[in-house]
C-alpha atoms as a PDB file:
ATOM      1  CA  UNK A   1     -74.401  20.032  76.433  1.00  0.00           C
ATOM      2  CA  UNK A   2     -75.224  23.325  78.139  1.00  0.00           C
ATOM      3  CA  UNK A   3     -73.829  26.727  77.065  1.00  0.00           C
ATOM      4  CA  UNK A   4     -71.288  26.875  79.987  1.00  0.00           C
ATOM      5  CA  UNK A   5     -69.803  23.515  78.972  1.00  0.00           C
ATOM      6  CA  UNK A   6     -69.611  24.641  75.340  1.00  0.00           C
ATOM      7  CA  UNK A   7     -67.904  27.921  76.437  1.00  0.00           C
ATOM      8  CA  UNK A   8     -65.514  26.005  78.643  1.00  0.00           C
ATOM      9  CA  UNK A   9     -64.570  23.645  75.793  1.00  0.00           C
ATOM     10  CA  UNK A  10     -64.114  26.645  73.431  1.00  0.00           C
ATOM     11  CA  UNK A  11     -61.844  28.348  75.939  1.00  0.00           C
ATOM     12  CA  UNK A  12     -59.912  25.168  76.443  1.00  0.00           C
ATOM     13  CA  UNK A  13     -59.556  24.712  72.641  1.00  0.00           C
ATOM     14  CA  UNK A  14     -58.066  28.189  72.466  1.00  0.00           C
ATOM     15  CA  UNK A  15     -55.683  27.330  75.308  1.00  0.00           C
ATOM     16  CA  UNK A  16     -54.680  24.186  73.474  1.00  0.00           C
ATOM     17  CA  UNK A  17     -53.833  26.085  70.336  1.00  0.00           C
ATOM     18  CA  UNK A  18     -52.011  28.766  72.398  1.00  0.00           C
ATOM     19  CA  UNK A  19     -49.798  26.095  73.910  1.00  0.00           C
ATOM     20  CA  UNK A  20     -48.830  24.853  70.422  1.00  0.00           C
ATOM     21  CA  UNK A  21     -48.352  28.379  69.082  1.00  0.00           C
ATOM     22  CA  UNK A  22     -46.050  29.236  72.046  1.00  0.00           C
ATOM     23  CA  UNK A  23     -43.559  26.602  71.039  1.00  0.00           C
ATOM     24  CA  UNK A  24     -40.831  26.697  68.395  1.00  0.00           C
ATOM     25  CA  UNK A  25     -39.943  23.009  68.626  1.00  0.00           C
ATOM     26  CA  UNK A  26     -41.898  19.811  68.929  1.00  0.00           C
ATOM     27  CA  UNK A  27     -40.906  16.561  70.552  1.00  0.00           C
ATOM     28  CA  UNK A  28     -41.211  13.700  68.102  1.00  0.00           C
ATOM     29  CA  UNK A  29     -41.442   9.981  68.792  1.00  0.00           C
ATOM     30  CA  UNK A  30     -40.764   7.553  65.993  1.00  0.00           C
ATOM     31  CA  UNK A  31     -40.209   3.841  65.552  1.00  0.00           C
ATOM     32  CA  UNK A  32     -37.778   1.998  63.268  1.00  0.00           C
ATOM     33  CA  UNK A  33     -38.879  -0.615  60.784  1.00  0.00           C
ATOM     34  CA  UNK A  34     -38.215  -3.254  63.502  1.00  0.00           C
ATOM     35  CA  UNK A  35     -40.163  -1.274  66.150  1.00  0.00           C
ATOM     36  CA  UNK A  36     -37.204   0.273  67.967  1.00  0.00           C
ATOM     37  CA  UNK A  37     -38.481   3.490  69.611  1.00  0.00           C
ATOM     38  CA  UNK A  38     -36.725   6.758  69.329  1.00  0.00           C
ATOM     39  CA  UNK A  39     -37.520  10.255  70.622  1.00  0.00           C
ATOM     40  CA  UNK A  40     -36.063  13.567  69.538  1.00  0.00           C
ATOM     41  CA  UNK A  41     -37.124  17.119  68.772  1.00  0.00           C
ATOM     42  CA  UNK A  42     -37.283  19.424  65.818  1.00  0.00           C
ATOM     43  CA  UNK A  43     -38.050  23.025  65.049  1.00  0.00           C
ATOM     44  CA  UNK A  44     -41.369  23.314  63.154  1.00  0.00           C
ATOM     45  CA  UNK A  45     -43.781  25.483  61.283  1.00  0.00           C
ATOM     46  CA  UNK A  46     -47.456  24.840  61.006  1.00  0.00           C
ATOM     47  CA  UNK A  47     -49.605  25.515  57.941  1.00  0.00           C
ATOM     48  CA  UNK A  48     -53.220  26.754  57.792  1.00  0.00           C
ATOM     49  CA  UNK A  49     -54.500  23.150  57.430  1.00  0.00           C
ATOM     50  CA  UNK A  50     -52.832  22.086  60.711  1.00  0.00           C
ATOM     51  CA  UNK A  51     -49.875  20.141  59.293  1.00  0.00           C
ATOM     52  CA  UNK A  52     -46.507  20.565  61.009  1.00  0.00           C
ATOM     53  CA  UNK A  53     -43.375  20.764  58.840  1.00  0.00           C
ATOM     54  CA  UNK A  54     -39.902  19.760  60.089  1.00  0.00           C
ATOM     55  CA  UNK A  55     -36.593  19.863  58.240  1.00  0.00           C
ATOM     56  CA  UNK A  56     -34.270  17.142  59.496  1.00  0.00           C
ATOM     57  CA  UNK A  57     -30.968  15.437  58.678  1.00  0.00           C
ATOM     58  CA  UNK A  58     -30.339  11.865  57.654  1.00  0.00           C
ATOM     59  CA  UNK A  59     -27.799  11.760  60.477  1.00  0.00           C
ATOM     60  CA  UNK A  60     -30.698  11.791  62.959  1.00  0.00           C
ATOM     61  CA  UNK A  61     -32.267   8.398  63.628  1.00  0.00           C
ATOM     62  CA  UNK A  62     -35.770   9.851  63.520  1.00  0.00           C
ATOM     63  CA  UNK A  63     -35.229  10.793  59.847  1.00  0.00           C
ATOM     64  CA  UNK A  64     -34.462   7.198  58.855  1.00  0.00           C
ATOM     65  CA  UNK A  65     -37.378   6.102  60.972  1.00  0.00           C
ATOM     66  CA  UNK A  66     -39.801   8.509  59.234  1.00  0.00           C
ATOM     67  CA  UNK A  67     -38.588   7.382  55.830  1.00  0.00           C
ATOM     68  CA  UNK A  68     -39.156   3.705  56.674  1.00  0.00           C
ATOM     69  CA  UNK A  69     -42.178   4.006  58.953  1.00  0.00           C
ATOM     70  CA  UNK A  70     -44.180   7.135  58.190  1.00  0.00           C
ATOM     71  CA  UNK A  71     -45.952   7.559  61.478  1.00  0.00           C
ATOM     72  CA  UNK A  72     -45.029   9.682  64.496  1.00  0.00           C
ATOM     73  CA  UNK A  73     -46.297  11.043  67.736  1.00  0.00           C
ATOM     74  CA  UNK A  74     -45.569  14.640  68.572  1.00  0.00           C
ATOM     75  CA  UNK A  75     -45.720  16.393  71.948  1.00  0.00           C
ATOM     76  CA  UNK A  76     -46.061  19.987  73.009  1.00  0.00           C
ATOM     77  CA  UNK A  77     -45.691  20.410  76.778  1.00  0.00           C
ATOM     78  CA  UNK A  78     -45.786  23.304  79.223  1.00  0.00           C
ATOM     79  CA  UNK A  79     -42.333  23.962  80.682  1.00  0.00           C
ATOM     80  CA  UNK A  80     -41.604  22.666  84.152  1.00  0.00           C
ATOM     81  CA  UNK A  81     -41.083  26.116  85.571  1.00  0.00           C
ATOM     82  CA  UNK A  82     -44.494  27.191  84.388  1.00  0.00           C
ATOM     83  CA  UNK A  83     -46.308  24.110  85.731  1.00  0.00           C
ATOM     84  CA  UNK A  84     -47.883  23.987  89.147  1.00  0.00           C
ATOM     85  CA  UNK A  85     -47.734  20.205  89.331  1.00  0.00           C
ATOM     86  CA  UNK A  86     -45.184  18.129  87.444  1.00  0.00           C
ATOM     87  CA  UNK A  87     -47.429  15.113  87.438  1.00  0.00           C
ATOM     88  CA  UNK A  88     -50.111  17.069  85.562  1.00  0.00           C
ATOM     89  CA  UNK A  89     -48.326  19.311  83.101  1.00  0.00           C
ATOM     90  CA  UNK A  90     -50.438  20.787  80.358  1.00  0.00           C
ATOM     91  CA  UNK A  91     -49.698  18.988  77.119  1.00  0.00           C
ATOM     92  CA  UNK A  92     -50.901  18.139  73.613  1.00  0.00           C
ATOM     93  CA  UNK A  93     -50.093  14.766  72.046  1.00  0.00           C
ATOM     94  CA  UNK A  94     -50.875  14.086  68.398  1.00  0.00           C
ATOM     95  CA  UNK A  95     -50.538  10.941  66.299  1.00  0.00           C
ATOM     96  CA  UNK A  96     -49.523  11.900  62.760  1.00  0.00           C
ATOM     97  CA  UNK A  97     -49.223  10.465  59.292  1.00  0.00           C
ATOM     98  CA  UNK A  98     -45.953  11.533  57.821  1.00  0.00           C
ATOM     99  CA  UNK A  99     -45.254  12.552  54.247  1.00  0.00           C
ATOM    100  CA  UNK A 100     -41.855  13.379  52.868  1.00  0.00           C
ATOM    101  CA  UNK A 101     -42.047  16.480  50.661  1.00  0.00           C
ATOM    102  CA  UNK A 102     -39.646  16.134  47.685  1.00  0.00           C
ATOM    103  CA  UNK A 103     -37.554  19.130  46.712  1.00  0.00           C
ATOM    104  CA  UNK A 104     -39.442  19.243  43.385  1.00  0.00           C
ATOM    105  CA  UNK A 105     -42.818  19.642  45.090  1.00  0.00           C
ATOM    106  CA  UNK A 106     -44.328  23.175  44.994  1.00  0.00           C
ATOM    107  CA  UNK A 107     -44.874  23.057  48.779  1.00  0.00           C
ATOM    108  CA  UNK A 108     -41.142  22.557  49.409  1.00  0.00           C
ATOM    109  CA  UNK A 109     -39.985  26.163  48.791  1.00  0.00           C
ATOM    110  CA  UNK A 110     -43.074  27.564  50.542  1.00  0.00           C
ATOM    111  CA  UNK A 111     -42.391  25.686  53.763  1.00  0.00           C
ATOM    112  CA  UNK A 112     -38.634  26.290  53.580  1.00  0.00           C
ATOM    113  CA  UNK A 113     -39.409  30.045  53.319  1.00  0.00           C
ATOM    114  CA  UNK A 114     -41.703  29.687  56.345  1.00  0.00           C
ATOM    115  CA  UNK A 115     -38.945  27.916  58.306  1.00  0.00           C
ATOM    116  CA  UNK A 116     -36.449  30.618  57.255  1.00  0.00           C
ATOM    117  CA  UNK A 117     -38.848  33.382  58.335  1.00  0.00           C
ATOM    118  CA  UNK A 118     -39.223  31.753  61.740  1.00  0.00           C
ATOM    119  CA  UNK A 119     -35.668  30.536  62.304  1.00  0.00           C
ATOM    120  CA  UNK A 120     -33.382  32.684  60.195  1.00  0.00           C
ATOM    121  CA  UNK A 121     -30.420  32.007  58.018  1.00  0.00           C
ATOM    122  CA  UNK A 122     -29.620  28.642  59.519  1.00  0.00           C
ATOM    123  CA  UNK A 123     -32.283  27.248  57.288  1.00  0.00           C
ATOM    124  CA  UNK A 124     -30.464  28.523  54.224  1.00  0.00           C
ATOM    125  CA  UNK A 125     -27.384  26.726  55.355  1.00  0.00           C
ATOM    126  CA  UNK A 126     -29.303  23.531  56.031  1.00  0.00           C
ATOM    127  CA  UNK A 127     -30.983  23.786  52.615  1.00  0.00           C
ATOM    128  CA  UNK A 128     -27.546  23.599  50.992  1.00  0.00           C
ATOM    129  CA  UNK A 129     -26.856  20.242  52.579  1.00  0.00           C
ATOM    130  CA  UNK A 130     -28.038  17.213  50.589  1.00  0.00           C
ATOM    131  CA  UNK A 131     -29.008  15.047  53.623  1.00  0.00           C
ATOM    132  CA  UNK A 132     -31.914  17.245  54.829  1.00  0.00           C
ATOM    133  CA  UNK A 133     -35.494  16.155  54.352  1.00  0.00           C
ATOM    134  CA  UNK A 134     -38.728  18.134  54.648  1.00  0.00           C
ATOM    135  CA  UNK A 135     -41.566  16.242  56.258  1.00  0.00           C
ATOM    136  CA  UNK A 136     -45.239  17.079  56.731  1.00  0.00           C
ATOM    137  CA  UNK A 137     -46.652  15.664  59.936  1.00  0.00           C
ATOM    138  CA  UNK A 138     -50.422  15.475  59.516  1.00  0.00           C
ATOM    139  CA  UNK A 139     -52.313  14.906  62.669  1.00  0.00           C
ATOM    140  CA  UNK A 140     -54.899  12.103  62.576  1.00  0.00           C
ATOM    141  CA  UNK A 141     -55.872  12.303  66.250  1.00  0.00           C
ATOM    142  CA  UNK A 142     -54.937  14.247  69.314  1.00  0.00           C
ATOM    143  CA  UNK A 143     -55.347  14.608  73.051  1.00  0.00           C
ATOM    144  CA  UNK A 144     -55.076  17.728  75.221  1.00  0.00           C
ATOM    145  CA  UNK A 145     -54.402  17.231  78.935  1.00  0.00           C
ATOM    146  CA  UNK A 146     -54.858  20.182  81.276  1.00  0.00           C
ATOM    147  CA  UNK A 147     -54.459  18.412  84.630  1.00  0.00           C
ATOM    148  CA  UNK A 148     -55.642  15.507  86.687  1.00  0.00           C
ATOM    149  CA  UNK A 149     -58.855  14.087  85.210  1.00  0.00           C
ATOM    150  CA  UNK A 150     -58.967  16.811  82.643  1.00  0.00           C
ATOM    151  CA  UNK A 151     -58.219  15.168  79.317  1.00  0.00           C
ATOM    152  CA  UNK A 152     -59.851  15.928  75.975  1.00  0.00           C
ATOM    153  CA  UNK A 153     -59.906  14.489  72.486  1.00  0.00           C
ATOM    154  CA  UNK A 154     -58.976  16.976  69.806  1.00  0.00           C
ATOM    155  CA  UNK A 155     -60.895  16.961  66.563  1.00  0.00           C
ATOM    156  CA  UNK A 156     -57.919  17.512  64.233  1.00  0.00           C
ATOM    157  CA  UNK A 157     -60.111  18.922  61.470  1.00  0.00           C
ATOM    158  CA  UNK A 158     -61.820  21.659  63.539  1.00  0.00           C
ATOM    159  CA  UNK A 159     -59.613  22.027  66.639  1.00  0.00           C
ATOM    160  CA  UNK A 160     -62.642  21.508  68.889  1.00  0.00           C
ATOM    161  CA  UNK A 161     -62.435  19.408  71.990  1.00  0.00           C
ATOM    162  CA  UNK A 162     -64.539  16.708  73.579  1.00  0.00           C
ATOM    163  CA  UNK A 163     -64.259  15.102  76.925  1.00  0.00           C
ATOM    164  CA  UNK A 164     -62.156  11.976  76.898  1.00  0.00           C
ATOM    165  CA  UNK A 165     -64.263   8.855  77.495  1.00  0.00           C
ATOM    166  CA  UNK A 166     -62.835   5.714  79.090  1.00  0.00           C
END
């Protein structure tokens, strides 16, 4: 690969991360134990290793799904008003393994503090409710789409991109 292609991919990788960083919520797709699909959203924080943390209620169907079937797809997408063509909106889609973080785990208060710092006192109120669960969504693969014919695989360990191959 020549230097220009490498620079282009590096710029696109930065744009990919910027799209994720510009969002406060993620769209989450889950499936029940009997494969019934569900889609929702959740506020999130991201750690240095790239995991996304969400704090969700048992009243939400995606929570039961995550507890029974610990896989999810998450989506970050450019808003419609910022997109030139609605058929080719910039987006990041990641497939994630999901791990419930027990309240006794040392990561639990760290991530709750991060959520509180980002979203305020609502997190303290939610923390007092017994039906909320903290989940780590750990990406195992990802795709970044910038427009028509411009799709890239994301190396979830490095954040680097490679051209999507058919």
